[in-house]
Amino acid sequence: MLNQGQSAVDLLGWRLIDQSDGSPEFTFPAYVMQPQTTVRVYTNEDHPESGGFSYQRGSSIWNNSDPDTAALIDPSGAVVSTRSYPPSC
């Protein structure tokens, strides 16, 4: 995820979901993302150098037989961004 804006954003309450299924869902804790920086959310790994966020799942989230779409949702419930992934990515 890239903060393309000119201001820092607190990610508290933002959610990342598999829009195709509605789950799994990752809800961000308090974390201030500076302008023009990125963070990653992993399936079951911790990488503090890139945000360090993880779904803490033992199985892949995006490795399905059907295409998936990830959605980033702000605290008000608005979909801010989506990205589709091909099957078995």
PDB file of N, CA and C in Angstrom:
ATOM      1  N   MET A   1       0.853  -1.152   0.000  1.00  0.00           N
ATOM      2  CA  MET A   1       0.000   0.000   0.000  1.00  0.00           C
ATOM      3  C   MET A   1       0.905   1.223   0.000  1.00  0.00           C
ATOM      4  N   LEU A   2       0.577   2.201  -0.816  1.00  0.00           N
ATOM      5  CA  LEU A   2       1.353   3.428  -0.960  1.00  0.00           C
ATOM      6  C   LEU A   2       0.500   4.628  -0.562  1.00  0.00           C
ATOM      7  N   ASN A   3       1.044   5.464   0.315  1.00  0.00           N
ATOM      8  CA  ASN A   3       0.389   6.727   0.648  1.00  0.00           C
ATOM      9  C   ASN A   3       0.801   7.733  -0.419  1.00  0.00           C
ATOM     10  N   GLN A   4      -0.068   7.962  -1.389  1.00  0.00           N
ATOM     11  CA  GLN A   4       0.235   8.861  -2.493  1.00  0.00           C
ATOM     12  C   GLN A   4      -0.026  10.324  -2.152  1.00  0.00           C
ATOM     13  N   GLY A   5      -0.572  10.577  -0.969  1.00  0.00           N
ATOM     14  CA  GLY A   5      -0.914  11.939  -0.574  1.00  0.00           C
ATOM     15  C   GLY A   5       0.276  12.744  -0.089  1.00  0.00           C
ATOM     16  N   GLN A   6      -0.009  13.957   0.320  1.00  0.00           N
ATOM     17  CA  GLN A   6       1.009  14.866   0.823  1.00  0.00           C
ATOM     18  C   GLN A   6       1.017  14.942   2.345  1.00  0.00           C
ATOM     19  N   SER A   7       0.094  14.210   2.995  1.00  0.00           N
ATOM     20  CA  SER A   7      -0.026  14.234   4.450  1.00  0.00           C
ATOM     21  C   SER A   7       0.113  12.834   5.017  1.00  0.00           C
ATOM     22  N   ALA A   8       0.549  12.774   6.267  1.00  0.00           N
ATOM     23  CA  ALA A   8       0.606  11.497   6.974  1.00  0.00           C
ATOM     24  C   ALA A   8      -0.819  11.013   7.241  1.00  0.00           C
ATOM     25  N   VAL A   9      -0.996   9.688   7.285  1.00  0.00           N
ATOM     26  CA  VAL A   9      -2.308   9.094   7.531  1.00  0.00           C
ATOM     27  C   VAL A   9      -2.176   8.076   8.655  1.00  0.00           C
ATOM     28  N   ASP A  10      -3.039   8.182   9.666  1.00  0.00           N
ATOM     29  CA  ASP A  10      -3.088   7.162  10.714  1.00  0.00           C
ATOM     30  C   ASP A  10      -3.982   6.036  10.202  1.00  0.00           C
ATOM     31  N   LEU A  11      -3.441   4.838  10.133  1.00  0.00           N
ATOM     32  CA  LEU A  11      -4.181   3.704   9.575  1.00  0.00           C
ATOM     33  C   LEU A  11      -5.130   3.037  10.568  1.00  0.00           C
ATOM     34  N   LEU A  12      -5.212   3.523  11.772  1.00  0.00           N
ATOM     35  CA  LEU A  12      -6.090   2.932  12.778  1.00  0.00           C
ATOM     36  C   LEU A  12      -7.511   2.796  12.232  1.00  0.00           C
ATOM     37  N   GLY A  13      -8.005   1.557  12.212  1.00  0.00           N
ATOM     38  CA  GLY A  13      -9.371   1.306  11.765  1.00  0.00           C
ATOM     39  C   GLY A  13      -9.529   1.067  10.273  1.00  0.00           C
ATOM     40  N   TRP A  14      -8.475   1.288   9.486  1.00  0.00           N
ATOM     41  CA  TRP A  14      -8.542   0.955   8.067  1.00  0.00           C
ATOM     42  C   TRP A  14      -8.546  -0.563   7.953  1.00  0.00           C
ATOM     43  N   ARG A  15      -9.190  -1.092   6.894  1.00  0.00           N
ATOM     44  CA  ARG A  15      -9.280  -2.545   6.729  1.00  0.00           C
ATOM     45  C   ARG A  15      -8.822  -2.955   5.334  1.00  0.00           C
ATOM     46  N   LEU A  16      -8.240  -4.134   5.272  1.00  0.00           N
ATOM     47  CA  LEU A  16      -7.867  -4.756   4.010  1.00  0.00           C
ATOM     48  C   LEU A  16      -8.608  -6.081   3.958  1.00  0.00           C
ATOM     49  N   ILE A  17      -9.430  -6.260   2.912  1.00  0.00           N
ATOM     50  CA  ILE A  17     -10.232  -7.482   2.828  1.00  0.00           C
ATOM     51  C   ILE A  17     -10.103  -8.128   1.452  1.00  0.00           C
ATOM     52  N   ASP A  18     -10.417  -9.401   1.402  1.00  0.00           N
ATOM     53  CA  ASP A  18     -10.604 -10.104   0.147  1.00  0.00           C
ATOM     54  C   ASP A  18     -12.034  -9.780  -0.271  1.00  0.00           C
ATOM     55  N   GLN A  19     -12.192  -8.849  -1.176  1.00  0.00           N
ATOM     56  CA  GLN A  19     -13.513  -8.353  -1.560  1.00  0.00           C
ATOM     57  C   GLN A  19     -14.352  -9.448  -2.215  1.00  0.00           C
ATOM     58  N   SER A  20     -13.699 -10.407  -2.839  1.00  0.00           N
ATOM     59  CA  SER A  20     -14.422 -11.488  -3.498  1.00  0.00           C
ATOM     60  C   SER A  20     -15.191 -12.341  -2.502  1.00  0.00           C
ATOM     61  N   ASP A  21     -14.597 -12.570  -1.320  1.00  0.00           N
ATOM     62  CA  ASP A  21     -15.193 -13.427  -0.303  1.00  0.00           C
ATOM     63  C   ASP A  21     -15.707 -12.665   0.916  1.00  0.00           C
ATOM     64  N   GLY A  22     -15.209 -11.444   1.130  1.00  0.00           N
ATOM     65  CA  GLY A  22     -15.536 -10.698   2.337  1.00  0.00           C
ATOM     66  C   GLY A  22     -14.629 -11.049   3.498  1.00  0.00           C
ATOM     67  N   SER A  23     -13.805 -12.050   3.309  1.00  0.00           N
ATOM     68  CA  SER A  23     -12.849 -12.434   4.343  1.00  0.00           C
ATOM     69  C   SER A  23     -11.679 -13.127   3.654  1.00  0.00           C
ATOM     70  N   PRO A  24     -10.533 -13.173   4.237  1.00  0.00           N
ATOM     71  CA  PRO A  24     -10.261 -12.659   5.564  1.00  0.00           C
ATOM     72  C   PRO A  24     -10.187 -11.138   5.555  1.00  0.00           C
ATOM     73  N   GLU A  25     -10.183 -10.611   6.731  1.00  0.00           N
ATOM     74  CA  GLU A  25     -10.127  -9.163   6.904  1.00  0.00           C
ATOM     75  C   GLU A  25      -8.982  -8.832   7.847  1.00  0.00           C
ATOM     76  N   PHE A  26      -8.179  -7.838   7.474  1.00  0.00           N
ATOM     77  CA  PHE A  26      -7.120  -7.329   8.342  1.00  0.00           C
ATOM     78  C   PHE A  26      -7.489  -5.909   8.724  1.00  0.00           C
ATOM     79  N   THR A  27      -7.537  -5.616  10.017  1.00  0.00           N
ATOM     80  CA  THR A  27      -7.801  -4.257  10.495  1.00  0.00           C
ATOM     81  C   THR A  27      -6.500  -3.689  11.026  1.00  0.00           C
ATOM     82  N   PHE A  28      -6.111  -2.544  10.501  1.00  0.00           N
ATOM     83  CA  PHE A  28      -4.860  -1.921  10.897  1.00  0.00           C
ATOM     84  C   PHE A  28      -4.929  -1.368  12.317  1.00  0.00           C
ATOM     85  N   PRO A  29      -3.845  -1.538  13.074  1.00  0.00           N
ATOM     86  CA  PRO A  29      -3.730  -0.881  14.371  1.00  0.00           C
ATOM     87  C   PRO A  29      -3.296   0.572  14.140  1.00  0.00           C
ATOM     88  N   ALA A  30      -3.109   1.317  15.199  1.00  0.00           N
ATOM     89  CA  ALA A  30      -2.592   2.682  15.071  1.00  0.00           C
ATOM     90  C   ALA A  30      -1.202   2.612  14.442  1.00  0.00           C
ATOM     91  N   TYR A  31      -1.040   3.275  13.333  1.00  0.00           N
ATOM     92  CA  TYR A  31       0.236   3.318  12.616  1.00  0.00           C
ATOM     93  C   TYR A  31       0.186   4.527  11.698  1.00  0.00           C
ATOM     94  N   VAL A  32       1.116   5.438  11.864  1.00  0.00           N
ATOM     95  CA  VAL A  32       1.142   6.645  11.045  1.00  0.00           C
ATOM     96  C   VAL A  32       2.006   6.379   9.817  1.00  0.00           C
ATOM     97  N   MET A  33       1.352   6.471   8.675  1.00  0.00           N
ATOM     98  CA  MET A  33       2.016   6.241   7.402  1.00  0.00           C
ATOM     99  C   MET A  33       2.363   7.588   6.790  1.00  0.00           C
ATOM    100  N   GLN A  34       3.634   7.822   6.586  1.00  0.00           N
ATOM    101  CA  GLN A  34       4.107   9.099   6.051  1.00  0.00           C
ATOM    102  C   GLN A  34       3.830   9.188   4.547  1.00  0.00           C
ATOM    103  N   PRO A  35       3.776  10.408   4.007  1.00  0.00           N
ATOM    104  CA  PRO A  35       3.547  10.572   2.566  1.00  0.00           C
ATOM    105  C   PRO A  35       4.620   9.843   1.753  1.00  0.00           C
ATOM    106  N   GLN A  36       4.186   9.260   0.642  1.00  0.00           N
ATOM    107  CA  GLN A  36       5.067   8.594  -0.304  1.00  0.00           C
ATOM    108  C   GLN A  36       5.825   7.401   0.292  1.00  0.00           C
ATOM    109  N   THR A  37       5.257   6.780   1.327  1.00  0.00           N
ATOM    110  CA  THR A  37       5.833   5.566   1.894  1.00  0.00           C
ATOM    111  C   THR A  37       4.868   4.406   1.655  1.00  0.00           C
ATOM    112  N   THR A  38       5.381   3.198   1.797  1.00  0.00           N
ATOM    113  CA  THR A  38       4.574   2.006   1.594  1.00  0.00           C
ATOM    114  C   THR A  38       4.595   1.115   2.820  1.00  0.00           C
ATOM    115  N   VAL A  39       3.567   0.289   2.939  1.00  0.00           N
ATOM    116  CA  VAL A  39       3.525  -0.798   3.917  1.00  0.00           C
ATOM    117  C   VAL A  39       2.996  -2.029   3.199  1.00  0.00           C
ATOM    118  N   ARG A  40       3.355  -3.190   3.731  1.00  0.00           N
ATOM    119  CA  ARG A  40       2.863  -4.452   3.185  1.00  0.00           C
ATOM    120  C   ARG A  40       2.185  -5.232   4.297  1.00  0.00           C
ATOM    121  N   VAL A  41       1.201  -6.017   3.908  1.00  0.00           N
ATOM    122  CA  VAL A  41       0.523  -6.916   4.837  1.00  0.00           C
ATOM    123  C   VAL A  41       0.745  -8.327   4.308  1.00  0.00           C
ATOM    124  N   TYR A  42       1.371  -9.146   5.123  1.00  0.00           N
ATOM    125  CA  TYR A  42       1.735 -10.504   4.721  1.00  0.00           C
ATOM    126  C   TYR A  42       0.713 -11.510   5.240  1.00  0.00           C
ATOM    127  N   THR A  43       0.738 -12.704   4.662  1.00  0.00           N
ATOM    128  CA  THR A  43      -0.152 -13.769   5.089  1.00  0.00           C
ATOM    129  C   THR A  43       0.196 -14.256   6.484  1.00  0.00           C
ATOM    130  N   ASN A  44       1.441 -14.659   6.691  1.00  0.00           N
ATOM    131  CA  ASN A  44       1.850 -15.202   7.983  1.00  0.00           C
ATOM    132  C   ASN A  44       3.339 -14.972   8.213  1.00  0.00           C
ATOM    133  N   GLU A  45       3.785 -13.763   7.960  1.00  0.00           N
ATOM    134  CA  GLU A  45       5.173 -13.392   8.168  1.00  0.00           C
ATOM    135  C   GLU A  45       5.211 -12.031   8.838  1.00  0.00           C
ATOM    136  N   ASP A  46       6.314 -11.734   9.488  1.00  0.00           N
ATOM    137  CA  ASP A  46       6.513 -10.418  10.094  1.00  0.00           C
ATOM    138  C   ASP A  46       7.761  -9.795   9.487  1.00  0.00           C
ATOM    139  N   HIS A  47       7.601  -8.627   8.901  1.00  0.00           N
ATOM    140  CA  HIS A  47       8.706  -7.896   8.283  1.00  0.00           C
ATOM    141  C   HIS A  47       8.616  -6.432   8.729  1.00  0.00           C
ATOM    142  N   PRO A  48       9.153  -6.114   9.891  1.00  0.00           N
ATOM    143  CA  PRO A  48       9.048  -4.741  10.414  1.00  0.00           C
ATOM    144  C   PRO A  48       9.582  -3.673   9.467  1.00  0.00           C
ATOM    145  N   GLU A  49      10.535  -4.030   8.617  1.00  0.00           N
ATOM    146  CA  GLU A  49      11.113  -3.044   7.703  1.00  0.00           C
ATOM    147  C   GLU A  49      10.109  -2.570   6.655  1.00  0.00           C
ATOM    148  N   SER A  50       9.018  -3.291   6.480  1.00  0.00           N
ATOM    149  CA  SER A  50       8.011  -2.879   5.488  1.00  0.00           C
ATOM    150  C   SER A  50       6.620  -2.759   6.106  1.00  0.00           C
ATOM    151  N   GLY A  51       6.563  -2.417   7.349  1.00  0.00           N
ATOM    152  CA  GLY A  51       5.281  -2.238   8.027  1.00  0.00           C
ATOM    153  C   GLY A  51       5.040  -3.294   9.070  1.00  0.00           C
ATOM    154  N   GLY A  52       5.491  -4.514   8.781  1.00  0.00           N
ATOM    155  CA  GLY A  52       5.397  -5.581   9.769  1.00  0.00           C
ATOM    156  C   GLY A  52       4.004  -6.110  10.028  1.00  0.00           C
ATOM    157  N   PHE A  53       3.058  -5.881   9.141  1.00  0.00           N
ATOM    158  CA  PHE A  53       1.697  -6.326   9.373  1.00  0.00           C
ATOM    159  C   PHE A  53       1.482  -7.725   8.812  1.00  0.00           C
ATOM    160  N   SER A  54       0.634  -8.503   9.477  1.00  0.00           N
ATOM    161  CA  SER A  54       0.394  -9.870   9.052  1.00  0.00           C
ATOM    162  C   SER A  54      -1.023 -10.302   9.403  1.00  0.00           C
ATOM    163  N   TYR A  55      -1.626 -11.052   8.493  1.00  0.00           N
ATOM    164  CA  TYR A  55      -2.926 -11.663   8.769  1.00  0.00           C
ATOM    165  C   TYR A  55      -2.807 -12.768   9.806  1.00  0.00           C
ATOM    166  N   GLN A  56      -1.596 -13.291  10.019  1.00  0.00           N
ATOM    167  CA  GLN A  56      -1.344 -14.402  10.942  1.00  0.00           C
ATOM    168  C   GLN A  56      -2.173 -15.629  10.564  1.00  0.00           C
ATOM    169  N   ARG A  57      -2.153 -15.958   9.258  1.00  0.00           N
ATOM    170  CA  ARG A  57      -2.881 -17.123   8.751  1.00  0.00           C
ATOM    171  C   ARG A  57      -1.898 -18.176   8.283  1.00  0.00           C
ATOM    172  N   GLY A  58      -2.272 -19.418   8.426  1.00  0.00           N
ATOM    173  CA  GLY A  58      -1.434 -20.511   7.992  1.00  0.00           C
ATOM    174  C   GLY A  58      -1.592 -20.854   6.522  1.00  0.00           C
ATOM    175  N   SER A  59      -2.632 -20.333   5.880  1.00  0.00           N
ATOM    176  CA  SER A  59      -2.855 -20.630   4.468  1.00  0.00           C
ATOM    177  C   SER A  59      -2.891 -19.332   3.668  1.00  0.00           C
ATOM    178  N   SER A  60      -2.590 -19.459   2.389  1.00  0.00           N
ATOM    179  CA  SER A  60      -2.533 -18.314   1.505  1.00  0.00           C
ATOM    180  C   SER A  60      -3.902 -17.641   1.386  1.00  0.00           C
ATOM    181  N   ILE A  61      -3.887 -16.343   1.264  1.00  0.00           N
ATOM    182  CA  ILE A  61      -5.126 -15.575   1.126  1.00  0.00           C
ATOM    183  C   ILE A  61      -5.503 -15.431  -0.349  1.00  0.00           C
ATOM    184  N   TRP A  62      -4.530 -15.214  -1.202  1.00  0.00           N
ATOM    185  CA  TRP A  62      -4.800 -14.890  -2.595  1.00  0.00           C
ATOM    186  C   TRP A  62      -4.573 -16.074  -3.527  1.00  0.00           C
ATOM    187  N   ASN A  63      -4.289 -17.250  -3.013  1.00  0.00           N
ATOM    188  CA  ASN A  63      -3.993 -18.409  -3.842  1.00  0.00           C
ATOM    189  C   ASN A  63      -5.247 -19.260  -4.031  1.00  0.00           C
ATOM    190  N   ASN A  64      -6.154 -18.793  -4.847  1.00  0.00           N
ATOM    191  CA  ASN A  64      -7.425 -19.466  -5.070  1.00  0.00           C
ATOM    192  C   ASN A  64      -7.552 -19.892  -6.524  1.00  0.00           C
ATOM    193  N   SER A  65      -8.568 -20.665  -6.836  1.00  0.00           N
ATOM    194  CA  SER A  65      -8.802 -21.072  -8.218  1.00  0.00           C
ATOM    195  C   SER A  65      -9.538 -19.993  -9.012  1.00  0.00           C
ATOM    196  N   ASP A  66     -10.087 -18.994  -8.327  1.00  0.00           N
ATOM    197  CA  ASP A  66     -10.780 -17.884  -8.970  1.00  0.00           C
ATOM    198  C   ASP A  66     -10.020 -16.589  -8.711  1.00  0.00           C
ATOM    199  N   PRO A  67     -10.159 -15.599  -9.591  1.00  0.00           N
ATOM    200  CA  PRO A  67      -9.512 -14.308  -9.337  1.00  0.00           C
ATOM    201  C   PRO A  67      -9.992 -13.704  -8.015  1.00  0.00           C
ATOM    202  N   ASP A  68      -9.119 -12.964  -7.367  1.00  0.00           N
ATOM    203  CA  ASP A  68      -9.450 -12.278  -6.117  1.00  0.00           C
ATOM    204  C   ASP A  68      -9.265 -10.780  -6.294  1.00  0.00           C
ATOM    205  N   THR A  69      -9.984 -10.032  -5.489  1.00  0.00           N
ATOM    206  CA  THR A  69      -9.810  -8.588  -5.454  1.00  0.00           C
ATOM    207  C   THR A  69      -9.624  -8.162  -4.009  1.00  0.00           C
ATOM    208  N   ALA A  70      -8.504  -7.501  -3.759  1.00  0.00           N
ATOM    209  CA  ALA A  70      -8.234  -6.938  -2.440  1.00  0.00           C
ATOM    210  C   ALA A  70      -8.826  -5.534  -2.408  1.00  0.00           C
ATOM    211  N   ALA A  71      -9.449  -5.182  -1.285  1.00  0.00           N
ATOM    212  CA  ALA A  71     -10.029  -3.847  -1.139  1.00  0.00           C
ATOM    213  C   ALA A  71      -9.484  -3.192   0.128  1.00  0.00           C
ATOM    214  N   LEU A  72      -9.095  -1.934  -0.002  1.00  0.00           N
ATOM    215  CA  LEU A  72      -8.682  -1.120   1.136  1.00  0.00           C
ATOM    216  C   LEU A  72      -9.857  -0.232   1.501  1.00  0.00           C
ATOM    217  N   ILE A  73     -10.300  -0.333   2.761  1.00  0.00           N
ATOM    218  CA  ILE A  73     -11.501   0.368   3.220  1.00  0.00           C
ATOM    219  C   ILE A  73     -11.127   1.302   4.364  1.00  0.00           C
ATOM    220  N   ASP A  74     -11.543   2.562   4.260  1.00  0.00           N
ATOM    221  CA  ASP A  74     -11.218   3.523   5.317  1.00  0.00           C
ATOM    222  C   ASP A  74     -12.159   3.342   6.511  1.00  0.00           C
ATOM    223  N   PRO A  75     -11.877   4.025   7.619  1.00  0.00           N
ATOM    224  CA  PRO A  75     -12.699   3.832   8.830  1.00  0.00           C
ATOM    225  C   PRO A  75     -14.184   4.159   8.660  1.00  0.00           C
ATOM    226  N   SER A  76     -14.533   4.984   7.656  1.00  0.00           N
ATOM    227  CA  SER A  76     -15.947   5.306   7.439  1.00  0.00           C
ATOM    228  C   SER A  76     -16.657   4.231   6.624  1.00  0.00           C
ATOM    229  N   GLY A  77     -15.901   3.253   6.098  1.00  0.00           N
ATOM    230  CA  GLY A  77     -16.495   2.180   5.305  1.00  0.00           C
ATOM    231  C   GLY A  77     -16.388   2.375   3.806  1.00  0.00           C
ATOM    232  N   ALA A  78     -15.750   3.454   3.373  1.00  0.00           N
ATOM    233  CA  ALA A  78     -15.601   3.720   1.942  1.00  0.00           C
ATOM    234  C   ALA A  78     -14.445   2.910   1.362  1.00  0.00           C
ATOM    235  N   VAL A  79     -14.656   2.315   0.199  1.00  0.00           N
ATOM    236  CA  VAL A  79     -13.586   1.607  -0.499  1.00  0.00           C
ATOM    237  C   VAL A  79     -12.685   2.654  -1.137  1.00  0.00           C
ATOM    238  N   VAL A  80     -11.424   2.672  -0.728  1.00  0.00           N
ATOM    239  CA  VAL A  80     -10.463   3.665  -1.188  1.00  0.00           C
ATOM    240  C   VAL A  80      -9.687   3.167  -2.394  1.00  0.00           C
ATOM    241  N   SER A  81      -9.426   1.866  -2.412  1.00  0.00           N
ATOM    242  CA  SER A  81      -8.619   1.288  -3.474  1.00  0.00           C
ATOM    243  C   SER A  81      -8.909  -0.193  -3.599  1.00  0.00           C
ATOM    244  N   THR A  82      -8.766  -0.718  -4.814  1.00  0.00           N
ATOM    245  CA  THR A  82      -8.886  -2.156  -5.031  1.00  0.00           C
ATOM    246  C   THR A  82      -7.758  -2.610  -5.945  1.00  0.00           C
ATOM    247  N   ARG A  83      -7.436  -3.889  -5.829  1.00  0.00           N
ATOM    248  CA  ARG A  83      -6.452  -4.487  -6.739  1.00  0.00           C
ATOM    249  C   ARG A  83      -6.841  -5.947  -6.946  1.00  0.00           C
ATOM    250  N   SER A  84      -6.921  -6.343  -8.213  1.00  0.00           N
ATOM    251  CA  SER A  84      -7.292  -7.717  -8.537  1.00  0.00           C
ATOM    252  C   SER A  84      -6.049  -8.556  -8.781  1.00  0.00           C
ATOM    253  N   TYR A  85      -6.159  -9.823  -8.389  1.00  0.00           N
ATOM    254  CA  TYR A  85      -5.074 -10.784  -8.530  1.00  0.00           C
ATOM    255  C   TYR A  85      -5.579 -11.982  -9.333  1.00  0.00           C
ATOM    256  N   PRO A  86      -4.759 -12.500 -10.239  1.00  0.00           N
ATOM    257  CA  PRO A  86      -5.180 -13.672 -11.011  1.00  0.00           C
ATOM    258  C   PRO A  86      -5.181 -14.920 -10.134  1.00  0.00           C
ATOM    259  N   PRO A  87      -5.847 -15.968 -10.581  1.00  0.00           N
ATOM    260  CA  PRO A  87      -5.845 -17.226  -9.811  1.00  0.00           C
ATOM    261  C   PRO A  87      -4.417 -17.721  -9.579  1.00  0.00           C
ATOM    262  N   SER A  88      -4.205 -18.305  -8.394  1.00  0.00           N
ATOM    263  CA  SER A  88      -2.926 -18.908  -8.022  1.00  0.00           C
ATOM    264  C   SER A  88      -1.744 -17.955  -8.101  1.00  0.00           C
ATOM    265  N   CYS A  89      -1.962 -16.693  -7.770  1.00  0.00           N
ATOM    266  CA  CYS A  89      -0.846 -15.750  -7.832  1.00  0.00           C
ATOM    267  C   CYS A  89       0.104 -15.964  -6.675  1.00  0.00           C
TER     268      CYS A  89
END
